[in-house]
C-alpha atoms as a PDB file:
ATOM      1  CA  MET A   1      21.455  -3.648  36.231  1.00  0.00           C
ATOM      2  CA  TYR A   2      22.301  -1.803  33.049  1.00  0.00           C
ATOM      3  CA  CYS A   3      25.548  -0.581  33.762  1.00  0.00           C
ATOM      4  CA  ARG A   4      27.302  -2.676  31.102  1.00  0.00           C
ATOM      5  CA  ASN A   5      25.033  -0.776  28.663  1.00  0.00           C
ATOM      6  CA  ARG A   6      27.136   2.104  28.972  1.00  0.00           C
ATOM      7  CA  ILE A   7      28.584   3.865  25.868  1.00  0.00           C
ATOM      8  CA  TYR A   8      26.071   2.236  23.608  1.00  0.00           C
ATOM      9  CA  ILE A   9      23.176   3.648  25.566  1.00  0.00           C
ATOM     10  CA  ASN A  10      23.182   7.070  27.613  1.00  0.00           C
ATOM     11  CA  LYS A  11      21.583   7.568  30.947  1.00  0.00           C
ATOM     12  CA  ASN A  12      18.741   9.560  29.499  1.00  0.00           C
ATOM     13  CA  GLU A  13      17.971   6.884  26.626  1.00  0.00           C
ATOM     14  CA  GLN A  14      17.932   4.276  29.501  1.00  0.00           C
ATOM     15  CA  GLN A  15      15.336   5.957  31.772  1.00  0.00           C
ATOM     16  CA  ARG A  16      13.139   6.560  28.712  1.00  0.00           C
ATOM     17  CA  MET A  17      13.353   2.937  27.721  1.00  0.00           C
ATOM     18  CA  ARG A  18      11.864   1.986  30.997  1.00  0.00           C
ATOM     19  CA  ASP A  19       8.423   3.759  30.212  1.00  0.00           C
ATOM     20  CA  PHE A  20       8.499   2.787  26.523  1.00  0.00           C
ATOM     21  CA  LYS A  21       5.423   0.500  26.222  1.00  0.00           C
ATOM     22  CA  ILE A  22       5.812  -2.506  23.859  1.00  0.00           C
ATOM     23  CA  VAL A  23       2.906  -4.695  23.225  1.00  0.00           C
ATOM     24  CA  PHE A  24       3.369  -8.255  22.242  1.00  0.00           C
ATOM     25  CA  GLY A  25       0.779  -9.889  20.050  1.00  0.00           C
ATOM     26  CA  GLY A  26       1.713 -13.426  20.083  1.00  0.00           C
ATOM     27  CA  LEU A  27       4.254 -15.206  22.221  1.00  0.00           C
ATOM     28  CA  GLY A  28       5.766 -17.719  20.158  1.00  0.00           C
ATOM     29  CA  LEU A  29       8.552 -15.751  18.361  1.00  0.00           C
ATOM     30  CA  GLY A  30       7.612 -12.717  20.466  1.00  0.00           C
ATOM     31  CA  SER A  31       8.731 -14.775  23.450  1.00  0.00           C
ATOM     32  CA  VAL A  32      12.403 -14.396  22.437  1.00  0.00           C
ATOM     33  CA  ILE A  33      11.960 -10.822  21.457  1.00  0.00           C
ATOM     34  CA  ALA A  34      10.461  -9.912  24.772  1.00  0.00           C
ATOM     35  CA  GLU A  35      13.431 -11.320  26.769  1.00  0.00           C
ATOM     36  CA  CYS A  36      16.086  -9.396  24.651  1.00  0.00           C
ATOM     37  CA  ALA A  37      14.005  -6.137  24.993  1.00  0.00           C
ATOM     38  CA  LEU A  38      13.737  -6.538  28.747  1.00  0.00           C
ATOM     39  CA  ARG A  39      17.588  -7.346  29.108  1.00  0.00           C
ATOM     40  CA  MET A  40      18.311  -4.213  27.098  1.00  0.00           C
ATOM     41  CA  GLY A  41      16.145  -2.136  29.396  1.00  0.00           C
ATOM     42  CA  PHE A  42      12.652  -1.922  27.854  1.00  0.00           C
ATOM     43  CA  GLU A  43      10.728  -2.518  31.148  1.00  0.00           C
ATOM     44  CA  THR A  44       7.034  -1.993  30.132  1.00  0.00           C
ATOM     45  CA  LEU A  45       5.738  -4.889  28.337  1.00  0.00           C
ATOM     46  CA  HIS A  46       2.288  -6.270  27.779  1.00  0.00           C
ATOM     47  CA  LEU A  47       2.161  -9.782  26.804  1.00  0.00           C
ATOM     48  CA  ILE A  48      -0.712 -11.279  24.815  1.00  0.00           C
ATOM     49  CA  ASP A  49      -1.600 -14.937  23.814  1.00  0.00           C
ATOM     50  CA  GLY A  50      -4.399 -17.573  24.307  1.00  0.00           C
ATOM     51  CA  ASP A  51      -2.056 -20.454  23.500  1.00  0.00           C
ATOM     52  CA  SER A  52      -0.422 -22.951  25.932  1.00  0.00           C
ATOM     53  CA  VAL A  53       3.126 -24.194  25.472  1.00  0.00           C
ATOM     54  CA  GLU A  54       3.539 -27.509  23.624  1.00  0.00           C
ATOM     55  CA  LEU A  55       6.532 -29.580  23.123  1.00  0.00           C
ATOM     56  CA  SER A  56       7.060 -28.491  19.551  1.00  0.00           C
ATOM     57  CA  ASN A  57       7.590 -24.853  20.813  1.00  0.00           C
ATOM     58  CA  LEU A  58      10.852 -25.886  22.566  1.00  0.00           C
ATOM     59  CA  ASN A  59      13.216 -25.784  19.514  1.00  0.00           C
ATOM     60  CA  ARG A  60      12.979 -22.064  19.145  1.00  0.00           C
ATOM     61  CA  GLN A  61      10.605 -20.445  21.727  1.00  0.00           C
ATOM     62  CA  ASN A  62      11.616 -19.090  25.103  1.00  0.00           C
ATOM     63  CA  TYR A  63      10.121 -21.957  27.072  1.00  0.00           C
ATOM     64  CA  THR A  64      11.159 -24.978  29.202  1.00  0.00           C
ATOM     65  CA  GLN A  65       9.896 -28.493  29.701  1.00  0.00           C
ATOM     66  CA  ASN A  66       8.312 -27.193  32.891  1.00  0.00           C
ATOM     67  CA  ASP A  67       6.104 -24.811  30.956  1.00  0.00           C
ATOM     68  CA  ILE A  68       4.481 -27.378  28.785  1.00  0.00           C
ATOM     69  CA  GLY A  69       0.610 -27.224  29.121  1.00  0.00           C
ATOM     70  CA  LYS A  70       0.723 -23.704  30.753  1.00  0.00           C
ATOM     71  CA  PRO A  71      -0.454 -20.610  29.210  1.00  0.00           C
ATOM     72  CA  LYS A  72       2.489 -18.938  27.196  1.00  0.00           C
ATOM     73  CA  CYS A  73       1.649 -15.543  28.846  1.00  0.00           C
ATOM     74  CA  GLU A  74       2.067 -16.803  32.276  1.00  0.00           C
ATOM     75  CA  ALA A  75       4.999 -18.735  31.656  1.00  0.00           C
ATOM     76  CA  LEU A  76       7.015 -15.867  29.888  1.00  0.00           C
ATOM     77  CA  TYR A  77       5.700 -13.342  32.514  1.00  0.00           C
ATOM     78  CA  ARG A  78       7.290 -15.675  35.274  1.00  0.00           C
ATOM     79  CA  ARG A  79      10.607 -15.914  33.253  1.00  0.00           C
ATOM     80  CA  LEU A  80      10.877 -12.091  32.587  1.00  0.00           C
ATOM     81  CA  LYS A  81      10.060 -11.237  36.255  1.00  0.00           C
ATOM     82  CA  GLN A  82      12.943 -13.542  37.262  1.00  0.00           C
ATOM     83  CA  ILE A  83      14.961 -11.480  35.251  1.00  0.00           C
ATOM     84  CA  ASN A  84      13.808  -8.063  36.616  1.00  0.00           C
ATOM     85  CA  PRO A  85      11.420  -8.243  39.277  1.00  0.00           C
ATOM     86  CA  ASN A  86      10.885  -4.468  39.098  1.00  0.00           C
ATOM     87  CA  ALA A  87       9.685  -4.474  35.560  1.00  0.00           C
ATOM     88  CA  ASN A  88       6.206  -3.223  34.586  1.00  0.00           C
ATOM     89  CA  ILE A  89       5.334  -6.540  32.890  1.00  0.00           C
ATOM     90  CA  THR A  90       1.267  -7.300  32.390  1.00  0.00           C
ATOM     91  CA  TYR A  91      -0.263 -10.201  30.298  1.00  0.00           C
ATOM     92  CA  SER A  92      -3.476 -11.210  29.091  1.00  0.00           C
ATOM     93  CA  ASN A  93      -4.410 -14.808  28.327  1.00  0.00           C
ATOM     94  CA  VAL A  94      -6.640 -14.196  25.255  1.00  0.00           C
ATOM     95  CA  TYR A  95      -6.666 -14.480  21.669  1.00  0.00           C
ATOM     96  CA  LEU A  96      -6.691 -10.978  19.900  1.00  0.00           C
ATOM     97  CA  THR A  97      -9.998 -10.295  18.057  1.00  0.00           C
ATOM     98  CA  ALA A  98     -11.248  -7.286  16.285  1.00  0.00           C
ATOM     99  CA  GLU A  99     -13.450  -6.654  19.520  1.00  0.00           C
ATOM    100  CA  ASN A 100     -10.398  -6.523  22.125  1.00  0.00           C
ATOM    101  CA  LEU A 101      -7.806  -5.181  20.282  1.00  0.00           C
ATOM    102  CA  CYS A 102      -8.100  -1.482  20.957  1.00  0.00           C
ATOM    103  CA  GLU A 103      -8.376  -2.283  24.613  1.00  0.00           C
ATOM    104  CA  HIS A 104      -4.809  -4.168  24.691  1.00  0.00           C
ATOM    105  CA  LEU A 105      -3.301  -1.688  22.530  1.00  0.00           C
ATOM    106  CA  THR A 106      -4.154   1.601  24.232  1.00  0.00           C
ATOM    107  CA  GLY A 107      -0.926   3.381  25.516  1.00  0.00           C
ATOM    108  CA  ALA A 108       1.438   1.361  23.280  1.00  0.00           C
ATOM    109  CA  ASP A 109       4.497   3.073  21.970  1.00  0.00           C
ATOM    110  CA  ILE A 110       4.940   0.098  19.464  1.00  0.00           C
ATOM    111  CA  ALA A 111       3.449  -3.322  19.036  1.00  0.00           C
ATOM    112  CA  ILE A 112       4.975  -6.794  17.768  1.00  0.00           C
ATOM    113  CA  ASN A 113       2.596  -8.579  15.321  1.00  0.00           C
ATOM    114  CA  ALA A 114       3.582 -12.208  16.062  1.00  0.00           C
ATOM    115  CA  ILE A 115       0.248 -13.635  15.468  1.00  0.00           C
ATOM    116  CA  ASP A 116       0.007 -16.710  13.262  1.00  0.00           C
ATOM    117  CA  PHE A 117      -1.474 -16.026   9.829  1.00  0.00           C
ATOM    118  CA  THR A 118      -4.245 -18.818  10.476  1.00  0.00           C
ATOM    119  CA  SER A 119      -6.874 -16.097  10.288  1.00  0.00           C
ATOM    120  CA  SER A 120      -7.209 -12.533   9.518  1.00  0.00           C
ATOM    121  CA  ALA A 121      -6.337 -11.585  13.175  1.00  0.00           C
ATOM    122  CA  PRO A 122      -2.788 -10.196  12.043  1.00  0.00           C
ATOM    123  CA  LEU A 123      -4.237  -8.054   9.161  1.00  0.00           C
ATOM    124  CA  ILE A 124      -6.899  -6.589  11.774  1.00  0.00           C
ATOM    125  CA  PHE A 125      -4.333  -5.951  14.349  1.00  0.00           C
ATOM    126  CA  ASP A 126      -2.278  -3.764  11.728  1.00  0.00           C
ATOM    127  CA  ASP A 127      -5.417  -1.884  10.848  1.00  0.00           C
ATOM    128  CA  VAL A 128      -5.991  -0.961  14.521  1.00  0.00           C
ATOM    129  CA  CYS A 129      -2.425  -0.109  15.080  1.00  0.00           C
ATOM    130  CA  PHE A 130      -2.602   2.194  12.014  1.00  0.00           C
ATOM    131  CA  ALA A 131      -5.804   3.858  13.349  1.00  0.00           C
ATOM    132  CA  MET A 132      -3.970   4.527  16.747  1.00  0.00           C
ATOM    133  CA  ASN A 133      -0.968   5.699  15.046  1.00  0.00           C
ATOM    134  CA  ILE A 134       1.173   2.814  16.567  1.00  0.00           C
ATOM    135  CA  PRO A 135       4.058   1.405  14.679  1.00  0.00           C
ATOM    136  CA  VAL A 136       4.008  -2.226  14.124  1.00  0.00           C
ATOM    137  CA  VAL A 137       7.034  -4.816  13.837  1.00  0.00           C
ATOM    138  CA  HIS A 138       6.102  -8.059  11.976  1.00  0.00           C
ATOM    139  CA  PRO A 139       8.965 -10.550  12.773  1.00  0.00           C
ATOM    140  CA  TYR A 140       9.506 -13.823  10.666  1.00  0.00           C
ATOM    141  CA  ASN A 141      11.618 -16.492  11.579  1.00  0.00           C
ATOM    142  CA  LEU A 142      13.219 -17.918   8.456  1.00  0.00           C
ATOM    143  CA  GLY A 143      15.491 -20.445   9.784  1.00  0.00           C
ATOM    144  CA  TYR A 144      18.916 -19.322   9.483  1.00  0.00           C
ATOM    145  CA  GLY A 145      17.456 -15.925   9.125  1.00  0.00           C
ATOM    146  CA  GLY A 146      15.528 -13.153  10.604  1.00  0.00           C
ATOM    147  CA  LEU A 147      13.194 -10.951   8.904  1.00  0.00           C
ATOM    148  CA  ALA A 148      11.439  -7.739  10.339  1.00  0.00           C
ATOM    149  CA  CYS A 149       9.025  -5.439   8.560  1.00  0.00           C
ATOM    150  CA  VAL A 150       7.914  -2.213   9.981  1.00  0.00           C
ATOM    151  CA  LEU A 151       4.558  -1.050   9.215  1.00  0.00           C
ATOM    152  CA  THR A 152       3.357   2.492  10.058  1.00  0.00           C
ATOM    153  CA  LYS A 153       0.233   4.601   8.634  1.00  0.00           C
ATOM    154  CA  GLU A 154       2.930   6.056   6.249  1.00  0.00           C
ATOM    155  CA  SER A 155       4.059   2.742   4.789  1.00  0.00           C
ATOM    156  CA  ALA A 156       2.578   0.095   2.733  1.00  0.00           C
ATOM    157  CA  ASN A 157       0.693  -2.647   4.441  1.00  0.00           C
ATOM    158  CA  LEU A 158       0.702  -6.422   3.986  1.00  0.00           C
ATOM    159  CA  ARG A 159      -2.461  -6.220   1.820  1.00  0.00           C
ATOM    160  CA  SER A 160      -0.423  -4.807  -0.768  1.00  0.00           C
ATOM    161  CA  LEU A 161       0.892  -8.350  -1.364  1.00  0.00           C
ATOM    162  CA  SER A 162      -2.416  -9.998  -0.821  1.00  0.00           C
ATOM    163  CA  GLN A 163      -5.952  -9.143   0.169  1.00  0.00           C
ATOM    164  CA  THR A 164      -6.237 -12.387   2.165  1.00  0.00           C
ATOM    165  CA  PHE A 165      -4.440 -13.858   5.155  1.00  0.00           C
ATOM    166  CA  GLU A 166      -4.020 -17.280   3.427  1.00  0.00           C
ATOM    167  CA  GLY A 167      -0.487 -17.591   2.137  1.00  0.00           C
ATOM    168  CA  MET A 168       0.471 -14.376   3.413  1.00  0.00           C
ATOM    169  CA  GLU A 169       3.766 -15.700   5.062  1.00  0.00           C
ATOM    170  CA  ILE A 170       4.909 -17.354   1.771  1.00  0.00           C
ATOM    171  CA  ASN A 171       3.932 -13.884  -0.027  1.00  0.00           C
ATOM    172  CA  VAL A 172       6.041 -11.949   2.356  1.00  0.00           C
ATOM    173  CA  ALA A 173       8.916 -14.348   1.909  1.00  0.00           C
ATOM    174  CA  ASN A 174       8.709 -14.066  -1.838  1.00  0.00           C
ATOM    175  CA  HIS A 175       8.692 -10.346  -1.633  1.00  0.00           C
ATOM    176  CA  VAL A 176      11.975 -10.677   0.257  1.00  0.00           C
ATOM    177  CA  LEU A 177      13.668 -13.084  -1.819  1.00  0.00           C
ATOM    178  CA  ASN A 178      12.957 -10.869  -4.963  1.00  0.00           C
ATOM    179  CA  VAL A 179      14.382  -7.654  -3.219  1.00  0.00           C
ATOM    180  CA  LEU A 180      17.470  -9.670  -2.080  1.00  0.00           C
ATOM    181  CA  GLU A 181      18.022 -11.327  -5.601  1.00  0.00           C
ATOM    182  CA  LYS A 182      17.770  -7.783  -7.239  1.00  0.00           C
ATOM    183  CA  LYS A 183      20.641  -6.702  -4.970  1.00  0.00           C
ATOM    184  CA  GLY A 184      22.691  -9.558  -6.044  1.00  0.00           C
ATOM    185  CA  LEU A 185      22.144 -11.672  -2.712  1.00  0.00           C
ATOM    186  CA  TYR A 186      21.351 -15.458  -3.202  1.00  0.00           C
ATOM    187  CA  ILE A 187      20.073 -16.759  -0.110  1.00  0.00           C
ATOM    188  CA  ASN A 188      20.191 -20.401  -1.226  1.00  0.00           C
ATOM    189  CA  ALA A 189      19.087 -21.841   2.124  1.00  0.00           C
ATOM    190  CA  PHE A 190      16.290 -19.592   2.440  1.00  0.00           C
ATOM    191  CA  LYS A 191      15.085 -20.183  -1.141  1.00  0.00           C
ATOM    192  CA  ASP A 192      15.478 -23.998  -0.817  1.00  0.00           C
ATOM    193  CA  MET A 193      13.476 -23.884   2.536  1.00  0.00           C
ATOM    194  CA  LEU A 194      10.399 -22.032   0.893  1.00  0.00           C
ATOM    195  CA  THR A 195      10.376 -24.419  -2.187  1.00  0.00           C
ATOM    196  CA  GLU A 196      10.283 -27.357  -0.005  1.00  0.00           C
ATOM    197  CA  TYR A 197       7.800 -25.896   2.568  1.00  0.00           C
ATOM    198  CA  ILE A 198       5.335 -25.085  -0.571  1.00  0.00           C
ATOM    199  CA  ALA A 199       5.876 -28.445  -1.927  1.00  0.00           C
ATOM    200  CA  GLU A 200       4.663 -29.985   1.513  1.00  0.00           C
ATOM    201  CA  GLN A 201       1.111 -29.477   0.718  1.00  0.00           C
ATOM    202  CA  GLY A 202      -0.779 -29.545   3.922  1.00  0.00           C
ATOM    203  CA  LYS A 203       1.540 -28.460   6.567  1.00  0.00           C
ATOM    204  CA  GLU A 204       0.204 -25.441   8.180  1.00  0.00           C
ATOM    205  CA  GLN A 205       3.478 -24.147   9.922  1.00  0.00           C
ATOM    206  CA  PRO A 206       6.681 -23.628   8.314  1.00  0.00           C
ATOM    207  CA  PRO A 207       9.757 -25.115   9.738  1.00  0.00           C
ATOM    208  CA  GLN A 208      11.865 -22.609  11.949  1.00  0.00           C
ATOM    209  CA  LEU A 209      15.020 -22.663  13.924  1.00  0.00           C
ATOM    210  CA  SER A 210      16.253 -21.158  17.169  1.00  0.00           C
ATOM    211  CA  ILE A 211      19.006 -19.476  15.039  1.00  0.00           C
ATOM    212  CA  GLY A 212      16.330 -17.231  13.127  1.00  0.00           C
ATOM    213  CA  ALA A 213      14.336 -16.595  16.590  1.00  0.00           C
ATOM    214  CA  TRP A 214      17.570 -15.332  18.335  1.00  0.00           C
ATOM    215  CA  LEU A 215      18.496 -13.056  15.361  1.00  0.00           C
ATOM    216  CA  LEU A 216      15.279 -11.562  15.392  1.00  0.00           C
ATOM    217  CA  GLY A 217      15.422 -10.855  19.338  1.00  0.00           C
ATOM    218  CA  GLY A 218      18.333  -8.551  18.566  1.00  0.00           C
ATOM    219  CA  LEU A 219      16.966  -7.198  15.285  1.00  0.00           C
ATOM    220  CA  CYS A 220      13.723  -6.235  16.729  1.00  0.00           C
ATOM    221  CA  THR A 221      15.136  -4.684  19.887  1.00  0.00           C
ATOM    222  CA  ASP A 222      17.349  -2.383  17.809  1.00  0.00           C
ATOM    223  CA  ILE A 223      14.511  -1.401  15.874  1.00  0.00           C
ATOM    224  CA  PHE A 224      12.701  -0.544  19.453  1.00  0.00           C
ATOM    225  CA  LEU A 225      15.821   1.847  20.128  1.00  0.00           C
ATOM    226  CA  LYS A 226      15.761   3.454  16.923  1.00  0.00           C
ATOM    227  CA  ILE A 227      12.321   4.460  17.225  1.00  0.00           C
ATOM    228  CA  LEU A 228      12.662   5.480  20.721  1.00  0.00           C
ATOM    229  CA  ARG A 229      15.568   7.579  19.301  1.00  0.00           C
ATOM    230  CA  ASN A 230      13.447   9.127  16.702  1.00  0.00           C
ATOM    231  CA  LYS A 231      16.006   7.672  14.045  1.00  0.00           C
ATOM    232  CA  GLN A 232      15.061   7.068  10.509  1.00  0.00           C
ATOM    233  CA  ILE A 233      13.927   3.492  10.022  1.00  0.00           C
ATOM    234  CA  PHE A 234      13.023   1.148   6.923  1.00  0.00           C
ATOM    235  CA  ILE A 235       9.294   0.917   6.438  1.00  0.00           C
ATOM    236  CA  PHE A 236       7.486  -1.633   4.574  1.00  0.00           C
ATOM    237  CA  PRO A 237       7.938  -2.655   1.662  1.00  0.00           C
ATOM    238  CA  ASP A 238      11.563  -2.256   2.799  1.00  0.00           C
ATOM    239  CA  PHE A 239      12.681  -4.502   5.562  1.00  0.00           C
ATOM    240  CA  TYR A 240      15.282  -5.566   7.845  1.00  0.00           C
ATOM    241  CA  TYR A 241      16.986  -8.758   7.253  1.00  0.00           C
ATOM    242  CA  LEU A 242      19.782 -10.814   9.058  1.00  0.00           C
ATOM    243  CA  ASP A 243      21.054 -14.342   7.882  1.00  0.00           C
ATOM    244  CA  SER A 244      23.800 -16.437   9.456  1.00  0.00           C
ATOM    245  CA  LYS A 245      24.828 -17.733   6.134  1.00  0.00           C
ATOM    246  CA  LEU A 246      25.169 -14.296   4.507  1.00  0.00           C
ATOM    247  CA  ASN A 247      28.729 -13.242   4.772  1.00  0.00           C
ATOM    248  CA  HIS A 248      28.776 -10.419   2.207  1.00  0.00           C
ATOM    249  CA  PHE A 249      26.474  -7.522   1.185  1.00  0.00           C
ATOM    250  CA  ASN A 250      26.163  -5.732  -2.228  1.00  0.00           C
ATOM    251  CA  PRO A 251      24.162  -2.611  -1.824  1.00  0.00           C
END
């Protein structure tokens, strides 16, 4: 089924991709990334989330009306198996904790940390991955843009921005804005969104669009391929950023 990947991906790489294990912690944004990775040829996926699909997820996540009320991991598993029934896809309908992380991360070549920052779970996830020498990708849906931070045991970690999980997404967003502005890139839509979100006072979840989610599907899958190829990657505090409103780049 991957004949149209030719030229971009050689046969040896395509074979290696099949056994390259990706663990998805969180299947909100992770649901879009998982499908893009599968369609590229990454066939060994472990899906983890204890949440069920809600109506408010449908503006950006990889679910349908028929999935509402069903566990995200089961709904996504069914969708991905319809795309490639031979893929080695497993799932766990659990919330990740300090007690069960090692069990779910064992054997991973890379992990996606798409867990909401409503607890310290995302930071603990990173800690366990560092201890197991597993690269971690943090994806962030920024509306018209997509951000991905790659963390390894050689990189800085998110605690370099703050020691607590509270407000971490805002801290990461401010870090990215500061870097982009130093490069002469003024992302007004991103900056305006962040200002309004902070002013909302009490809204736990940030606004997100399908545009950012689908940009991240491609961006993260390309990072997976770079790691499989042993190519140099940007590691945190550097990052990857795509924006549909950005039409120039000044290095």
